[in-house]
Amino acid sequence: MNDQSSLTCNLGALTAPEQARRSYLARVLRDTIEDVTELPDGLAIRLGVGVGLTDALREFVEFERRCCPFLDIKIHPGLAASPATLELRGPEGVKQFLAERFPSVRDRRASR
């Protein structure tokens, strides 16, 4: 049984400056997406390589863990000049939640 109420983002868990920073980081990361792979319980998002990208990714993940505690988030850093992968997993319905919340990820996945 899918309890959609458990898939609710609580941006109120972040202060206004943190919400602004999270939005900025989401835009930075979105612009580096190279590939999106559907997982049985979520998505794997391969990001490009860039100066400061790993730090931006870690900071973004810390915000996401606070506002979306139902997500199981893992960062697989790339080696040297290879891209990092961000895994977002969760309970039933999480892929739909991610597609609605991050349309650029949905669009990237659909264009493959």
C-alpha atoms as a PDB file:
ATOM      1  CA  MET A   1       0.000   0.000   0.000  1.00  0.00           C
ATOM      2  CA  ASN A   2       1.306   3.409  -0.951  1.00  0.00           C
ATOM      3  CA  ASP A   3       0.941   6.157   1.617  1.00  0.00           C
ATOM      4  CA  GLN A   4       1.398   9.303  -0.503  1.00  0.00           C
ATOM      5  CA  SER A   5       1.378  11.473   2.628  1.00  0.00           C
ATOM      6  CA  SER A   6       4.758   9.995   3.541  1.00  0.00           C
ATOM      7  CA  LEU A   7       6.144  11.501   0.313  1.00  0.00           C
ATOM      8  CA  THR A   8       5.763  15.121   1.297  1.00  0.00           C
ATOM      9  CA  CYS A   9       8.592  17.598   1.096  1.00  0.00           C
ATOM     10  CA  ASN A  10       8.768  19.901   4.093  1.00  0.00           C
ATOM     11  CA  LEU A  11      10.649  22.956   2.851  1.00  0.00           C
ATOM     12  CA  GLY A  12       9.571  24.600   6.108  1.00  0.00           C
ATOM     13  CA  ALA A  13      12.332  22.567   7.750  1.00  0.00           C
ATOM     14  CA  LEU A  14      14.730  25.009   6.053  1.00  0.00           C
ATOM     15  CA  THR A  15      15.112  28.696   6.804  1.00  0.00           C
ATOM     16  CA  ALA A  16      14.383  31.174   4.015  1.00  0.00           C
ATOM     17  CA  PRO A  17      18.114  31.662   3.250  1.00  0.00           C
ATOM     18  CA  GLU A  18      18.591  27.871   3.214  1.00  0.00           C
ATOM     19  CA  GLN A  19      15.656  27.497   0.813  1.00  0.00           C
ATOM     20  CA  ALA A  20      17.208  30.084  -1.486  1.00  0.00           C
ATOM     21  CA  ARG A  21      20.588  28.356  -1.319  1.00  0.00           C
ATOM     22  CA  ARG A  22      18.967  24.955  -1.964  1.00  0.00           C
ATOM     23  CA  SER A  23      17.193  26.358  -5.041  1.00  0.00           C
ATOM     24  CA  TYR A  24      20.446  27.812  -6.331  1.00  0.00           C
ATOM     25  CA  LEU A  25      22.289  24.517  -5.812  1.00  0.00           C
ATOM     26  CA  ALA A  26      19.469  22.597  -7.536  1.00  0.00           C
ATOM     27  CA  ARG A  27      19.875  24.841 -10.612  1.00  0.00           C
ATOM     28  CA  VAL A  28      23.655  24.382 -10.623  1.00  0.00           C
ATOM     29  CA  LEU A  29      23.338  20.605 -10.363  1.00  0.00           C
ATOM     30  CA  ARG A  30      20.499  20.411 -12.897  1.00  0.00           C
ATOM     31  CA  ASP A  31      22.722  22.091 -15.479  1.00  0.00           C
ATOM     32  CA  THR A  32      25.339  19.348 -15.097  1.00  0.00           C
ATOM     33  CA  ILE A  33      23.061  16.301 -15.495  1.00  0.00           C
ATOM     34  CA  GLU A  34      24.552  13.910 -18.044  1.00  0.00           C
ATOM     35  CA  ASP A  35      22.308  10.882 -17.590  1.00  0.00           C
ATOM     36  CA  VAL A  36      19.321   9.663 -15.582  1.00  0.00           C
ATOM     37  CA  THR A  37      18.777   5.966 -14.951  1.00  0.00           C
ATOM     38  CA  GLU A  38      15.595   4.584 -13.490  1.00  0.00           C
ATOM     39  CA  LEU A  39      16.118   2.269 -10.517  1.00  0.00           C
ATOM     40  CA  PRO A  40      13.488  -0.108  -9.101  1.00  0.00           C
ATOM     41  CA  ASP A  41      12.971   2.273  -6.171  1.00  0.00           C
ATOM     42  CA  GLY A  42      14.196   5.616  -7.459  1.00  0.00           C
ATOM     43  CA  LEU A  43      16.639   7.294  -9.818  1.00  0.00           C
ATOM     44  CA  ALA A  44      20.381   7.468 -10.384  1.00  0.00           C
ATOM     45  CA  ILE A  45      21.496  10.825 -11.740  1.00  0.00           C
ATOM     46  CA  ARG A  46      24.963  11.050 -13.270  1.00  0.00           C
ATOM     47  CA  LEU A  47      26.388  14.544 -13.051  1.00  0.00           C
ATOM     48  CA  GLY A  48      29.145  16.167 -15.014  1.00  0.00           C
ATOM     49  CA  VAL A  49      32.523  17.211 -13.738  1.00  0.00           C
ATOM     50  CA  GLY A  50      33.137  20.742 -12.536  1.00  0.00           C
ATOM     51  CA  VAL A  51      35.080  22.808 -10.057  1.00  0.00           C
ATOM     52  CA  GLY A  52      33.254  22.764  -6.746  1.00  0.00           C
ATOM     53  CA  LEU A  53      30.551  20.391  -7.995  1.00  0.00           C
ATOM     54  CA  THR A  54      31.168  17.768  -5.306  1.00  0.00           C
ATOM     55  CA  ASP A  55      30.880  20.385  -2.563  1.00  0.00           C
ATOM     56  CA  ALA A  56      27.671  21.751  -4.128  1.00  0.00           C
ATOM     57  CA  LEU A  57      26.260  18.232  -4.337  1.00  0.00           C
ATOM     58  CA  ARG A  58      27.043  17.486  -0.690  1.00  0.00           C
ATOM     59  CA  GLU A  59      25.486  20.758   0.452  1.00  0.00           C
ATOM     60  CA  PHE A  60      22.355  20.108  -1.639  1.00  0.00           C
ATOM     61  CA  VAL A  61      22.026  16.593  -0.206  1.00  0.00           C
ATOM     62  CA  GLU A  62      22.189  17.934   3.352  1.00  0.00           C
ATOM     63  CA  PHE A  63      19.247  20.226   2.599  1.00  0.00           C
ATOM     64  CA  GLU A  64      17.299  17.410   0.917  1.00  0.00           C
ATOM     65  CA  ARG A  65      17.805  15.101   3.885  1.00  0.00           C
ATOM     66  CA  ARG A  66      16.217  17.708   6.140  1.00  0.00           C
ATOM     67  CA  CYS A  67      13.183  18.501   3.973  1.00  0.00           C
ATOM     68  CA  CYS A  68      12.622  15.014   2.472  1.00  0.00           C
ATOM     69  CA  PRO A  69      13.627  12.537   5.188  1.00  0.00           C
ATOM     70  CA  PHE A  70      11.892   9.657   3.365  1.00  0.00           C
ATOM     71  CA  LEU A  71      14.546   9.774   0.631  1.00  0.00           C
ATOM     72  CA  ASP A  72      17.517   7.452   0.842  1.00  0.00           C
ATOM     73  CA  ILE A  73      20.214   9.599  -0.744  1.00  0.00           C
ATOM     74  CA  LYS A  74      23.664   8.358  -1.700  1.00  0.00           C
ATOM     75  CA  ILE A  75      26.502  10.149  -3.450  1.00  0.00           C
ATOM     76  CA  HIS A  76      28.925   8.069  -5.468  1.00  0.00           C
ATOM     77  CA  PRO A  77      31.789  10.468  -6.163  1.00  0.00           C
ATOM     78  CA  GLY A  78      33.595  10.062  -9.432  1.00  0.00           C
ATOM     79  CA  LEU A  79      37.277   9.312  -9.539  1.00  0.00           C
ATOM     80  CA  ALA A  80      39.592  12.050 -10.828  1.00  0.00           C
ATOM     81  CA  ALA A  81      37.810  13.592 -13.834  1.00  0.00           C
ATOM     82  CA  SER A  82      34.832  11.213 -13.919  1.00  0.00           C
ATOM     83  CA  PRO A  83      31.301  12.268 -12.998  1.00  0.00           C
ATOM     84  CA  ALA A  84      29.585  11.739  -9.655  1.00  0.00           C
ATOM     85  CA  THR A  85      26.295   9.870  -9.362  1.00  0.00           C
ATOM     86  CA  LEU A  86      23.464  10.879  -7.068  1.00  0.00           C
ATOM     87  CA  GLU A  87      21.091   8.076  -6.077  1.00  0.00           C
ATOM     88  CA  LEU A  88      17.650   9.018  -4.814  1.00  0.00           C
ATOM     89  CA  ARG A  89      15.657   6.054  -3.514  1.00  0.00           C
ATOM     90  CA  GLY A  90      12.569   5.680  -1.406  1.00  0.00           C
ATOM     91  CA  PRO A  91       9.246   3.982  -0.800  1.00  0.00           C
ATOM     92  CA  GLU A  92       6.635   3.200  -3.414  1.00  0.00           C
ATOM     93  CA  GLY A  93       5.670   6.322  -5.345  1.00  0.00           C
ATOM     94  CA  VAL A  94       9.058   8.026  -4.990  1.00  0.00           C
ATOM     95  CA  LYS A  95       9.770   8.023  -8.748  1.00  0.00           C
ATOM     96  CA  GLN A  96       6.550   9.923  -9.424  1.00  0.00           C
ATOM     97  CA  PHE A  97       7.373  12.317  -6.571  1.00  0.00           C
ATOM     98  CA  LEU A  98      10.844  12.972  -8.034  1.00  0.00           C
ATOM     99  CA  ALA A  99       9.462  13.483 -11.553  1.00  0.00           C
ATOM    100  CA  GLU A 100       6.949  16.040 -10.252  1.00  0.00           C
ATOM    101  CA  ARG A 101       9.441  17.833  -8.040  1.00  0.00           C
ATOM    102  CA  PHE A 102      12.371  17.838 -10.453  1.00  0.00           C
ATOM    103  CA  PRO A 103      10.902  18.236 -13.960  1.00  0.00           C
ATOM    104  CA  SER A 104      14.358  18.683 -15.490  1.00  0.00           C
ATOM    105  CA  VAL A 105      15.228  15.164 -14.320  1.00  0.00           C
ATOM    106  CA  ARG A 106      11.977  13.853 -15.778  1.00  0.00           C
ATOM    107  CA  ASP A 107      12.654  15.633 -19.064  1.00  0.00           C
ATOM    108  CA  ARG A 108      16.219  14.361 -19.210  1.00  0.00           C
ATOM    109  CA  ARG A 109      15.023  10.796 -18.573  1.00  0.00           C
ATOM    110  CA  ALA A 110      12.261  11.128 -21.205  1.00  0.00           C
ATOM    111  CA  SER A 111      14.665  12.410 -23.879  1.00  0.00           C
ATOM    112  CA  ARG A 112      16.853   9.324 -23.692  1.00  0.00           C
END
